[in-house]
Amino acid sequence: MATIISHPAVPLAVGIALGRGVIPARLLEFGLLCSILPDLDVLAFKLGIPYEAMLGHRGFSLKTAVEG
């Protein structure tokens, strides 16, 4: 299961593998931030937003990408 801890592993591995000469630190930081953004949907549960709602689990980020 992917988590807020495992999602950043991909951009971090790419950044380490290619090095700072190819991937600037700011770009790596942006990639790490973007990789954890979908996990922030857990805040919706604390606000009482249902799982299947547009702002529920993966709602806004996934539904807008798929439904375009």
C-alpha atoms as a PDB file:
ATOM      1  CA  MET A   1       0.000   0.000   0.000  1.00  0.00           C
ATOM      2  CA  ALA A   2       1.388   3.370  -0.971  1.00  0.00           C
ATOM      3  CA  THR A   3       1.679   5.949   1.785  1.00  0.00           C
ATOM      4  CA  ILE A   4       2.857   9.462   2.412  1.00  0.00           C
ATOM      5  CA  ILE A   5       6.197   7.855   3.298  1.00  0.00           C
ATOM      6  CA  SER A   6       6.570   5.602   0.248  1.00  0.00           C
ATOM      7  CA  HIS A   7       5.267   7.965  -2.452  1.00  0.00           C
ATOM      8  CA  PRO A   8       8.333  10.266  -2.240  1.00  0.00           C
ATOM      9  CA  ALA A   9      10.618   7.272  -2.799  1.00  0.00           C
ATOM     10  CA  VAL A  10      10.342   7.525  -6.596  1.00  0.00           C
ATOM     11  CA  PRO A  11      11.333  11.191  -7.049  1.00  0.00           C
ATOM     12  CA  LEU A  12      13.960  10.781  -4.336  1.00  0.00           C
ATOM     13  CA  ALA A  13      15.468   7.731  -6.062  1.00  0.00           C
ATOM     14  CA  VAL A  14      15.496   9.519  -9.421  1.00  0.00           C
ATOM     15  CA  GLY A  15      17.092  12.582  -7.862  1.00  0.00           C
ATOM     16  CA  ILE A  16      19.790  10.511  -6.184  1.00  0.00           C
ATOM     17  CA  ALA A  17      20.417   8.370  -9.276  1.00  0.00           C
ATOM     18  CA  LEU A  18      20.748  11.298 -11.674  1.00  0.00           C
ATOM     19  CA  GLY A  19      22.470  13.644  -9.248  1.00  0.00           C
ATOM     20  CA  ARG A  20      22.252  17.372  -8.620  1.00  0.00           C
ATOM     21  CA  GLY A  21      23.744  18.190 -11.999  1.00  0.00           C
ATOM     22  CA  VAL A  22      20.644  16.848 -13.748  1.00  0.00           C
ATOM     23  CA  ILE A  23      17.961  17.331 -11.082  1.00  0.00           C
ATOM     24  CA  PRO A  24      18.291  20.664  -9.242  1.00  0.00           C
ATOM     25  CA  ALA A  25      17.425  20.639  -5.540  1.00  0.00           C
ATOM     26  CA  ARG A  26      14.344  22.840  -6.070  1.00  0.00           C
ATOM     27  CA  LEU A  27      12.982  20.463  -8.719  1.00  0.00           C
ATOM     28  CA  LEU A  28      13.564  17.496  -6.416  1.00  0.00           C
ATOM     29  CA  GLU A  29      11.739  19.284  -3.592  1.00  0.00           C
ATOM     30  CA  PHE A  30       8.838  20.049  -5.947  1.00  0.00           C
ATOM     31  CA  GLY A  31       8.698  16.405  -7.042  1.00  0.00           C
ATOM     32  CA  LEU A  32       8.632  15.254  -3.431  1.00  0.00           C
ATOM     33  CA  LEU A  33       5.838  17.702  -2.609  1.00  0.00           C
ATOM     34  CA  CYS A  34       3.774  16.655  -5.640  1.00  0.00           C
ATOM     35  CA  SER A  35       4.173  12.999  -4.727  1.00  0.00           C
ATOM     36  CA  ILE A  36       2.560  13.478  -1.312  1.00  0.00           C
ATOM     37  CA  LEU A  37      -0.252  15.856  -2.323  1.00  0.00           C
ATOM     38  CA  PRO A  38      -2.739  13.052  -3.155  1.00  0.00           C
ATOM     39  CA  ASP A  39      -2.294  11.705   0.382  1.00  0.00           C
ATOM     40  CA  LEU A  40      -3.646  14.914   1.863  1.00  0.00           C
ATOM     41  CA  ASP A  41      -7.139  13.646   1.104  1.00  0.00           C
ATOM     42  CA  VAL A  42      -7.126  12.145   4.596  1.00  0.00           C
ATOM     43  CA  LEU A  43      -7.896  15.669   5.795  1.00  0.00           C
ATOM     44  CA  ALA A  44     -11.269  15.350   4.068  1.00  0.00           C
ATOM     45  CA  PHE A  45     -12.207  12.512   6.409  1.00  0.00           C
ATOM     46  CA  LYS A  46     -11.482  14.730   9.419  1.00  0.00           C
ATOM     47  CA  LEU A  47     -13.773  17.370   7.904  1.00  0.00           C
ATOM     48  CA  GLY A  48     -16.611  14.867   7.452  1.00  0.00           C
ATOM     49  CA  ILE A  49     -16.378  14.637   3.655  1.00  0.00           C
ATOM     50  CA  PRO A  50     -17.533  11.158   2.520  1.00  0.00           C
ATOM     51  CA  TYR A  51     -15.127   8.751   0.808  1.00  0.00           C
ATOM     52  CA  GLU A  52     -17.016   8.836  -2.513  1.00  0.00           C
ATOM     53  CA  ALA A  53     -17.466  12.635  -2.639  1.00  0.00           C
ATOM     54  CA  MET A  54     -15.648  14.811  -5.166  1.00  0.00           C
ATOM     55  CA  LEU A  55     -13.253  15.921  -2.440  1.00  0.00           C
ATOM     56  CA  GLY A  56     -13.159  12.470  -0.816  1.00  0.00           C
ATOM     57  CA  HIS A  57     -10.482   9.801  -1.249  1.00  0.00           C
ATOM     58  CA  ARG A  58      -8.445  10.677  -4.364  1.00  0.00           C
ATOM     59  CA  GLY A  59     -11.518  12.566  -5.491  1.00  0.00           C
ATOM     60  CA  PHE A  60     -10.396  15.882  -6.857  1.00  0.00           C
ATOM     61  CA  SER A  61      -6.940  14.817  -8.068  1.00  0.00           C
ATOM     62  CA  LEU A  62      -8.036  11.563  -9.703  1.00  0.00           C
ATOM     63  CA  LYS A  63     -11.519  12.476 -10.910  1.00  0.00           C
ATOM     64  CA  THR A  64     -10.393  15.647 -12.643  1.00  0.00           C
ATOM     65  CA  ALA A  65      -7.546  13.809 -14.371  1.00  0.00           C
ATOM     66  CA  VAL A  66      -9.742  10.912 -15.533  1.00  0.00           C
ATOM     67  CA  GLU A  67     -12.910  12.802 -16.371  1.00  0.00           C
ATOM     68  CA  GLY A  68     -11.003  15.773 -17.757  1.00  0.00           C
END
